[in-house]
Amino acid sequence: MGDYPRIPEEAVPVTLTPPVTTNGGVTTDYISLKNAHMVFIVATFTQAATHATGIDPTQATAVAGTAVKAITNTVPIWKNADISTTSVLTRQTDAITVNCTAGTTNQVMVMQIDPAGFDVANGFDCLGMTVDDSSEATNFVSITAFVVPRYKDQNFIVD
């Protein structure tokens, strides 16, 4: 089938939140990263009223969102601040959070999260995201995590 990653066998998509308004802020579902090698977060924003809405990865001790705290390591980030004019993602400076670019309406942001950077020694092995309150009912976000498993699950492969 080629030498490229295959979805869902090698980068399992998990919806953290379907499209929801950012009015009032958003807390996504949490997912366990116990058997994850790497995670790529893809956040897609559709904003009728532009706002520099921020997204923040958080870690927890359970998928119920127990003992939530911010991540402490910077992560690689890519961004397309205006998907209506280009499909190119531009590498950003590594950071803990990322904000939408004010003045554009449709944006995509990608964050690369290494679970090894979590506070695993104290039981933090779950990932979620928070999205800032835009105070705009016409602004929406959807967030999907693409989880690269530590070990291939042979049950997924149908070659």
N, C-alpha and C. Protein backbone atom coordinates (compact mmCIF):
# COMPACT_ATOMS: atom_id res chain seq x y z
N MET A 1 0.80 -1.20 0.00
CA MET A 1 0.00 0.00 0.00
C MET A 1 0.84 1.26 0.00
N GLY A 2 2.14 1.16 -0.02
CA GLY A 2 2.97 2.36 -0.07
C GLY A 2 3.66 2.63 1.26
N ASP A 3 4.59 3.58 1.23
CA ASP A 3 5.35 3.93 2.42
C ASP A 3 4.86 5.24 3.02
N TYR A 4 3.60 5.36 3.26
CA TYR A 4 3.04 6.56 3.84
C TYR A 4 2.14 6.14 5.00
N PRO A 5 1.91 7.03 5.95
CA PRO A 5 1.05 6.68 7.08
C PRO A 5 -0.37 6.38 6.62
N ARG A 6 -0.96 5.40 7.23
CA ARG A 6 -2.33 5.04 6.87
C ARG A 6 -3.27 5.38 8.02
N ILE A 7 -4.34 6.07 7.65
CA ILE A 7 -5.38 6.38 8.61
C ILE A 7 -6.45 5.30 8.40
N PRO A 8 -6.92 4.58 9.39
CA PRO A 8 -6.73 4.74 10.82
C PRO A 8 -5.69 3.82 11.44
N GLU A 9 -4.99 3.03 10.65
CA GLU A 9 -4.07 2.06 11.24
C GLU A 9 -2.87 2.70 11.94
N GLU A 10 -2.33 3.77 11.38
CA GLU A 10 -1.09 4.35 11.91
C GLU A 10 -1.27 5.75 12.48
N ALA A 11 -2.43 6.33 12.33
CA ALA A 11 -2.75 7.63 12.93
C ALA A 11 -4.26 7.63 13.16
N VAL A 12 -4.65 7.05 14.29
CA VAL A 12 -6.06 6.82 14.59
C VAL A 12 -6.75 8.16 14.90
N PRO A 13 -7.78 8.53 14.10
CA PRO A 13 -8.48 9.79 14.37
C PRO A 13 -9.47 9.64 15.52
N VAL A 14 -9.43 10.59 16.44
CA VAL A 14 -10.35 10.61 17.57
C VAL A 14 -10.90 12.03 17.68
N THR A 15 -12.22 12.17 17.62
CA THR A 15 -12.84 13.48 17.73
C THR A 15 -12.81 13.92 19.18
N LEU A 16 -12.14 15.04 19.45
CA LEU A 16 -12.14 15.61 20.79
C LEU A 16 -13.36 16.48 21.00
N THR A 17 -13.77 17.19 19.94
CA THR A 17 -15.03 17.92 19.97
C THR A 17 -15.52 18.09 18.53
N PRO A 18 -16.81 17.82 18.30
CA PRO A 18 -17.38 18.12 16.99
C PRO A 18 -17.52 19.64 16.87
N PRO A 19 -17.92 20.16 15.72
CA PRO A 19 -18.06 21.61 15.61
C PRO A 19 -19.01 22.17 16.68
N VAL A 20 -18.46 23.09 17.49
CA VAL A 20 -19.23 23.75 18.55
C VAL A 20 -18.85 25.22 18.58
N THR A 21 -19.73 26.03 19.11
CA THR A 21 -19.43 27.45 19.22
C THR A 21 -18.36 27.68 20.30
N THR A 22 -17.52 28.66 20.07
CA THR A 22 -16.52 29.02 21.08
C THR A 22 -17.06 30.07 22.04
N ASN A 23 -18.31 30.46 21.85
CA ASN A 23 -18.95 31.40 22.77
C ASN A 23 -19.11 30.70 24.12
N GLY A 24 -18.41 31.19 25.13
CA GLY A 24 -18.44 30.54 26.44
C GLY A 24 -17.25 29.62 26.67
N GLY A 25 -16.42 29.44 25.64
CA GLY A 25 -15.26 28.55 25.78
C GLY A 25 -15.65 27.10 25.57
N VAL A 26 -14.64 26.25 25.39
CA VAL A 26 -14.87 24.83 25.11
C VAL A 26 -13.85 24.01 25.91
N THR A 27 -14.32 22.96 26.51
CA THR A 27 -13.45 21.93 27.08
C THR A 27 -13.76 20.65 26.32
N THR A 28 -12.75 20.07 25.69
CA THR A 28 -12.97 18.87 24.88
C THR A 28 -13.05 17.63 25.76
N ASP A 29 -13.37 16.52 25.13
CA ASP A 29 -13.24 15.22 25.79
C ASP A 29 -11.76 14.97 26.05
N TYR A 30 -11.48 14.08 26.99
CA TYR A 30 -10.11 13.65 27.27
C TYR A 30 -9.91 12.25 26.72
N ILE A 31 -8.70 11.99 26.24
CA ILE A 31 -8.36 10.66 25.73
C ILE A 31 -7.10 10.15 26.44
N SER A 32 -7.06 8.84 26.62
CA SER A 32 -5.89 8.22 27.25
C SER A 32 -4.77 8.11 26.23
N LEU A 33 -3.55 8.42 26.67
CA LEU A 33 -2.38 8.30 25.81
C LEU A 33 -1.42 7.23 26.32
N LYS A 34 -1.93 6.28 27.12
CA LYS A 34 -1.08 5.23 27.71
C LYS A 34 -0.30 4.46 26.66
N ASN A 35 -0.90 4.22 25.51
CA ASN A 35 -0.23 3.45 24.45
C ASN A 35 0.05 4.29 23.22
N ALA A 36 0.12 5.61 23.39
CA ALA A 36 0.37 6.50 22.26
C ALA A 36 1.85 6.85 22.16
N HIS A 37 2.34 6.87 20.94
CA HIS A 37 3.71 7.30 20.68
C HIS A 37 3.76 8.81 20.45
N MET A 38 2.77 9.33 19.72
CA MET A 38 2.70 10.75 19.38
C MET A 38 1.24 11.08 19.07
N VAL A 39 0.88 12.35 19.24
CA VAL A 39 -0.48 12.80 18.93
C VAL A 39 -0.38 14.10 18.15
N PHE A 40 -1.17 14.20 17.09
CA PHE A 40 -1.29 15.43 16.33
C PHE A 40 -2.70 15.97 16.52
N ILE A 41 -2.81 17.18 17.05
CA ILE A 41 -4.10 17.83 17.27
C ILE A 41 -4.37 18.73 16.07
N VAL A 42 -5.54 18.58 15.46
CA VAL A 42 -5.94 19.43 14.34
C VAL A 42 -7.19 20.19 14.77
N ALA A 43 -7.05 21.51 14.90
CA ALA A 43 -8.17 22.38 15.29
C ALA A 43 -8.56 23.22 14.08
N THR A 44 -9.83 23.16 13.72
CA THR A 44 -10.35 23.92 12.59
C THR A 44 -11.34 24.96 13.12
N PHE A 45 -11.06 26.21 12.81
CA PHE A 45 -11.89 27.32 13.27
C PHE A 45 -12.65 27.93 12.10
N THR A 46 -13.93 28.20 12.30
CA THR A 46 -14.76 28.97 11.38
C THR A 46 -15.32 30.12 12.19
N GLN A 47 -14.90 31.32 11.87
CA GLN A 47 -15.27 32.47 12.67
C GLN A 47 -15.96 33.54 11.81
N ALA A 48 -17.23 33.77 12.10
CA ALA A 48 -17.93 34.84 11.40
C ALA A 48 -17.45 36.19 11.92
N ALA A 49 -17.15 36.26 13.21
CA ALA A 49 -16.60 37.47 13.83
C ALA A 49 -15.18 37.11 14.28
N THR A 50 -14.19 37.66 13.62
CA THR A 50 -12.82 37.23 13.90
C THR A 50 -12.41 37.53 15.34
N HIS A 51 -11.64 36.61 15.89
CA HIS A 51 -11.22 36.70 17.29
C HIS A 51 -9.93 35.90 17.43
N ALA A 52 -9.01 36.36 18.25
CA ALA A 52 -7.74 35.66 18.48
C ALA A 52 -7.93 34.54 19.51
N THR A 53 -8.87 33.65 19.22
CA THR A 53 -9.20 32.55 20.12
C THR A 53 -7.99 31.65 20.31
N GLY A 54 -7.71 31.28 21.56
CA GLY A 54 -6.57 30.43 21.87
C GLY A 54 -7.01 29.01 22.18
N ILE A 55 -6.09 28.06 21.90
CA ILE A 55 -6.31 26.67 22.31
C ILE A 55 -5.14 26.25 23.19
N ASP A 56 -5.48 25.48 24.21
CA ASP A 56 -4.50 25.07 25.21
C ASP A 56 -4.60 23.57 25.47
N PRO A 57 -3.54 22.81 25.24
CA PRO A 57 -3.56 21.39 25.60
C PRO A 57 -3.48 21.25 27.12
N THR A 58 -4.24 20.30 27.65
CA THR A 58 -4.21 20.03 29.08
C THR A 58 -3.99 18.54 29.31
N GLN A 59 -3.44 18.22 30.47
CA GLN A 59 -3.22 16.83 30.84
C GLN A 59 -4.08 16.52 32.06
N ALA A 60 -4.47 15.24 32.20
CA ALA A 60 -5.30 14.82 33.32
C ALA A 60 -4.90 13.41 33.72
N THR A 61 -5.40 12.99 34.88
CA THR A 61 -5.08 11.65 35.37
C THR A 61 -6.11 10.61 34.97
N ALA A 62 -7.22 11.04 34.37
CA ALA A 62 -8.26 10.12 33.90
C ALA A 62 -9.04 10.78 32.77
N VAL A 63 -9.69 9.95 31.93
CA VAL A 63 -10.45 10.48 30.81
C VAL A 63 -11.70 11.24 31.26
N ALA A 64 -12.02 11.16 32.54
CA ALA A 64 -13.13 11.94 33.08
C ALA A 64 -12.71 13.40 33.30
N GLY A 65 -11.44 13.71 33.04
CA GLY A 65 -10.94 15.08 33.24
C GLY A 65 -10.55 15.33 34.69
N THR A 66 -9.97 14.32 35.31
CA THR A 66 -9.58 14.41 36.73
C THR A 66 -8.23 15.10 36.88
N ALA A 67 -8.13 16.02 37.83
CA ALA A 67 -6.87 16.71 38.20
C ALA A 67 -6.24 17.40 36.99
N VAL A 68 -7.01 18.11 36.22
CA VAL A 68 -6.55 18.76 34.99
C VAL A 68 -5.52 19.84 35.30
N LYS A 69 -4.46 19.86 34.46
CA LYS A 69 -3.48 20.95 34.52
C LYS A 69 -2.89 21.15 33.13
N ALA A 70 -2.32 22.32 32.92
CA ALA A 70 -1.73 22.65 31.62
C ALA A 70 -0.50 21.78 31.36
N ILE A 71 -0.19 21.58 30.10
CA ILE A 71 1.08 20.94 29.77
C ILE A 71 2.19 21.94 30.07
N THR A 72 3.41 21.46 30.26
CA THR A 72 4.50 22.36 30.61
C THR A 72 5.60 22.43 29.56
N ASN A 73 5.58 21.49 28.60
CA ASN A 73 6.60 21.50 27.54
C ASN A 73 6.06 22.18 26.29
N THR A 74 6.90 22.97 25.63
CA THR A 74 6.49 23.54 24.36
C THR A 74 6.37 22.44 23.31
N VAL A 75 5.52 22.66 22.32
CA VAL A 75 5.27 21.66 21.29
C VAL A 75 5.37 22.30 19.91
N PRO A 76 5.69 21.51 18.88
CA PRO A 76 5.70 22.03 17.52
C PRO A 76 4.28 22.41 17.08
N ILE A 77 4.19 23.52 16.36
CA ILE A 77 2.90 24.04 15.91
C ILE A 77 3.00 24.45 14.44
N TRP A 78 1.93 24.14 13.68
CA TRP A 78 1.79 24.60 12.31
C TRP A 78 0.45 25.30 12.22
N LYS A 79 0.37 26.28 11.30
CA LYS A 79 -0.86 27.06 11.22
C LYS A 79 -1.11 27.52 9.79
N ASN A 80 -2.37 27.50 9.43
CA ASN A 80 -2.83 28.15 8.21
C ASN A 80 -3.84 29.18 8.68
N ALA A 81 -3.43 30.44 8.65
CA ALA A 81 -4.25 31.52 9.20
C ALA A 81 -5.39 31.94 8.28
N ASP A 82 -5.42 31.44 7.05
CA ASP A 82 -6.51 31.81 6.15
C ASP A 82 -6.67 30.73 5.08
N ILE A 83 -7.48 29.72 5.37
CA ILE A 83 -7.62 28.59 4.44
C ILE A 83 -8.39 28.96 3.17
N SER A 84 -8.96 30.17 3.12
CA SER A 84 -9.64 30.59 1.90
C SER A 84 -8.65 31.04 0.83
N THR A 85 -7.39 31.32 1.22
CA THR A 85 -6.41 31.79 0.24
C THR A 85 -5.28 30.80 -0.03
N THR A 86 -5.07 29.82 0.88
CA THR A 86 -3.99 28.85 0.68
C THR A 86 -4.27 27.58 1.48
N SER A 87 -3.65 26.49 1.08
CA SER A 87 -3.76 25.24 1.83
C SER A 87 -2.47 24.94 2.60
N VAL A 88 -1.54 25.88 2.61
CA VAL A 88 -0.23 25.67 3.20
C VAL A 88 -0.25 25.89 4.72
N LEU A 89 0.30 24.92 5.44
CA LEU A 89 0.53 25.08 6.87
C LEU A 89 1.93 25.64 7.07
N THR A 90 2.04 26.67 7.89
CA THR A 90 3.33 27.32 8.14
C THR A 90 3.79 26.99 9.55
N ARG A 91 5.05 26.57 9.66
CA ARG A 91 5.62 26.23 10.96
C ARG A 91 5.68 27.48 11.82
N GLN A 92 5.22 27.35 13.05
CA GLN A 92 5.22 28.44 14.02
C GLN A 92 6.33 28.18 15.05
N THR A 93 6.55 29.12 15.92
CA THR A 93 7.48 28.93 17.03
C THR A 93 6.86 27.94 18.01
N ASP A 94 7.67 26.99 18.51
CA ASP A 94 7.17 26.05 19.50
C ASP A 94 6.60 26.81 20.68
N ALA A 95 5.48 26.34 21.21
CA ALA A 95 4.81 27.01 22.32
C ALA A 95 3.94 26.01 23.07
N ILE A 96 3.37 26.45 24.15
CA ILE A 96 2.44 25.62 24.92
C ILE A 96 1.01 25.84 24.45
N THR A 97 0.73 27.02 23.91
CA THR A 97 -0.60 27.35 23.40
C THR A 97 -0.46 28.00 22.03
N VAL A 98 -1.60 28.14 21.34
CA VAL A 98 -1.60 28.83 20.05
C VAL A 98 -2.92 29.59 19.92
N ASN A 99 -2.87 30.74 19.27
CA ASN A 99 -4.05 31.58 19.08
C ASN A 99 -4.37 31.73 17.61
N CYS A 100 -5.68 31.89 17.32
CA CYS A 100 -6.10 32.24 15.97
C CYS A 100 -5.53 33.61 15.62
N THR A 101 -5.38 33.84 14.35
CA THR A 101 -4.97 35.15 13.86
C THR A 101 -6.21 36.02 13.72
N ALA A 102 -6.23 37.14 14.43
CA ALA A 102 -7.37 38.05 14.33
C ALA A 102 -7.43 38.62 12.91
N GLY A 103 -8.63 38.80 12.42
CA GLY A 103 -8.80 39.40 11.10
C GLY A 103 -9.04 38.39 9.99
N THR A 104 -8.92 37.08 10.27
CA THR A 104 -9.25 36.07 9.27
C THR A 104 -10.30 35.14 9.86
N THR A 105 -11.11 34.56 9.00
CA THR A 105 -12.28 33.83 9.48
C THR A 105 -12.12 32.32 9.54
N ASN A 106 -11.36 31.71 8.65
CA ASN A 106 -11.25 30.25 8.61
C ASN A 106 -9.79 29.84 8.73
N GLN A 107 -9.50 29.10 9.81
CA GLN A 107 -8.11 28.77 10.12
C GLN A 107 -7.97 27.31 10.56
N VAL A 108 -6.77 26.77 10.35
CA VAL A 108 -6.42 25.43 10.82
C VAL A 108 -5.12 25.53 11.60
N MET A 109 -5.10 24.86 12.76
CA MET A 109 -3.88 24.80 13.57
C MET A 109 -3.58 23.35 13.90
N VAL A 110 -2.30 22.99 13.85
CA VAL A 110 -1.86 21.64 14.17
C VAL A 110 -0.82 21.72 15.27
N MET A 111 -1.00 20.90 16.31
CA MET A 111 -0.04 20.82 17.41
C MET A 111 0.44 19.37 17.51
N GLN A 112 1.72 19.19 17.66
CA GLN A 112 2.30 17.86 17.83
C GLN A 112 2.60 17.65 19.32
N ILE A 113 1.92 16.69 19.93
CA ILE A 113 2.03 16.46 21.36
C ILE A 113 2.75 15.13 21.61
N ASP A 114 3.83 15.18 22.36
CA ASP A 114 4.55 13.96 22.76
C ASP A 114 4.11 13.60 24.17
N PRO A 115 3.43 12.45 24.35
CA PRO A 115 2.96 12.06 25.67
C PRO A 115 4.10 11.90 26.69
N ALA A 116 5.32 11.69 26.22
CA ALA A 116 6.46 11.55 27.13
C ALA A 116 6.71 12.85 27.91
N GLY A 117 6.19 13.97 27.42
CA GLY A 117 6.35 15.24 28.10
C GLY A 117 5.33 15.48 29.20
N PHE A 118 4.39 14.55 29.38
CA PHE A 118 3.39 14.69 30.43
C PHE A 118 4.00 14.31 31.78
N ASP A 119 3.32 14.67 32.84
CA ASP A 119 3.72 14.33 34.20
C ASP A 119 3.29 12.89 34.51
N VAL A 120 3.84 11.95 33.76
CA VAL A 120 3.45 10.54 33.85
C VAL A 120 3.76 9.97 35.23
N ALA A 121 4.85 10.40 35.85
CA ALA A 121 5.24 9.90 37.17
C ALA A 121 4.13 10.13 38.20
N ASN A 122 3.32 11.16 37.99
CA ASN A 122 2.22 11.45 38.92
C ASN A 122 0.86 11.07 38.35
N GLY A 123 0.85 10.20 37.32
CA GLY A 123 -0.39 9.65 36.79
C GLY A 123 -1.05 10.45 35.68
N PHE A 124 -0.38 11.48 35.15
CA PHE A 124 -0.97 12.29 34.09
C PHE A 124 -0.68 11.64 32.74
N ASP A 125 -1.69 10.97 32.17
CA ASP A 125 -1.51 10.29 30.89
C ASP A 125 -2.71 10.47 29.96
N CYS A 126 -3.53 11.49 30.23
CA CYS A 126 -4.68 11.77 29.40
C CYS A 126 -4.57 13.19 28.83
N LEU A 127 -5.08 13.37 27.64
CA LEU A 127 -4.99 14.66 26.93
C LEU A 127 -6.37 15.20 26.62
N GLY A 128 -6.52 16.49 26.82
CA GLY A 128 -7.72 17.22 26.40
C GLY A 128 -7.29 18.60 25.95
N MET A 129 -8.23 19.41 25.54
CA MET A 129 -7.94 20.77 25.09
C MET A 129 -8.97 21.71 25.69
N THR A 130 -8.53 22.94 25.93
CA THR A 130 -9.49 24.00 26.24
C THR A 130 -9.38 25.06 25.15
N VAL A 131 -10.50 25.67 24.85
CA VAL A 131 -10.56 26.72 23.84
C VAL A 131 -11.12 27.95 24.53
N ASP A 132 -10.45 29.08 24.33
CA ASP A 132 -10.86 30.33 24.96
C ASP A 132 -12.27 30.75 24.54
N ASP A 133 -12.88 31.53 25.39
CA ASP A 133 -14.19 32.11 25.13
C ASP A 133 -14.04 33.25 24.12
N SER A 134 -14.67 33.10 22.96
CA SER A 134 -14.61 34.16 21.95
C SER A 134 -15.71 35.21 22.16
N SER A 135 -16.69 34.88 23.00
CA SER A 135 -17.87 35.74 23.21
C SER A 135 -18.61 36.01 21.91
N GLU A 136 -18.52 35.09 20.98
CA GLU A 136 -19.17 35.22 19.66
C GLU A 136 -19.90 33.92 19.35
N ALA A 137 -21.21 33.94 19.31
CA ALA A 137 -22.00 32.74 19.03
C ALA A 137 -21.81 32.22 17.61
N THR A 138 -21.26 33.06 16.72
CA THR A 138 -21.08 32.66 15.32
C THR A 138 -19.68 32.11 15.04
N ASN A 139 -18.88 31.90 16.09
CA ASN A 139 -17.54 31.33 15.93
C ASN A 139 -17.56 29.87 16.37
N PHE A 140 -16.95 29.00 15.55
CA PHE A 140 -17.00 27.56 15.80
C PHE A 140 -15.61 26.95 15.72
N VAL A 141 -15.44 25.83 16.42
CA VAL A 141 -14.21 25.05 16.36
C VAL A 141 -14.58 23.57 16.34
N SER A 142 -13.78 22.79 15.64
CA SER A 142 -13.83 21.32 15.75
C SER A 142 -12.38 20.88 15.94
N ILE A 143 -12.19 19.87 16.80
CA ILE A 143 -10.84 19.41 17.11
C ILE A 143 -10.77 17.89 17.01
N THR A 144 -9.80 17.42 16.24
CA THR A 144 -9.56 15.99 16.08
C THR A 144 -8.13 15.68 16.48
N ALA A 145 -7.95 14.61 17.24
CA ALA A 145 -6.61 14.12 17.58
C ALA A 145 -6.30 12.95 16.67
N PHE A 146 -5.11 12.94 16.08
CA PHE A 146 -4.63 11.80 15.31
C PHE A 146 -3.57 11.14 16.17
N VAL A 147 -3.91 9.97 16.72
CA VAL A 147 -3.07 9.28 17.69
C VAL A 147 -2.21 8.24 16.98
N VAL A 148 -0.90 8.40 17.09
CA VAL A 148 0.04 7.42 16.53
C VAL A 148 0.32 6.42 17.65
N PRO A 149 -0.15 5.17 17.49
CA PRO A 149 0.03 4.20 18.57
C PRO A 149 1.48 3.78 18.73
N ARG A 150 1.83 3.44 19.98
CA ARG A 150 3.18 2.97 20.28
C ARG A 150 3.45 1.65 19.56
N TYR A 151 2.44 0.79 19.52
CA TYR A 151 2.57 -0.51 18.87
C TYR A 151 1.41 -0.67 17.90
N LYS A 152 1.70 -1.22 16.72
CA LYS A 152 0.63 -1.44 15.75
C LYS A 152 -0.33 -2.49 16.28
N ASP A 153 -1.61 -2.22 16.15
CA ASP A 153 -2.64 -3.17 16.52
C ASP A 153 -2.99 -3.97 15.27
N GLN A 154 -2.58 -5.20 15.23
CA GLN A 154 -2.78 -6.03 14.04
C GLN A 154 -4.27 -6.18 13.68
N ASN A 155 -5.17 -5.93 14.64
CA ASN A 155 -6.59 -6.04 14.37
C ASN A 155 -7.09 -4.96 13.41
N PHE A 156 -6.35 -3.83 13.30
CA PHE A 156 -6.75 -2.76 12.41
C PHE A 156 -6.32 -3.00 10.96
N ILE A 157 -5.30 -3.81 10.77
CA ILE A 157 -4.72 -3.95 9.43
C ILE A 157 -5.51 -4.96 8.62
N VAL A 158 -5.92 -4.54 7.42
CA VAL A 158 -6.76 -5.40 6.57
C VAL A 158 -6.11 -5.63 5.22
N ASP A 159 -4.77 -5.68 5.16
CA ASP A 159 -4.06 -5.88 3.88
C ASP A 159 -4.45 -7.17 3.20
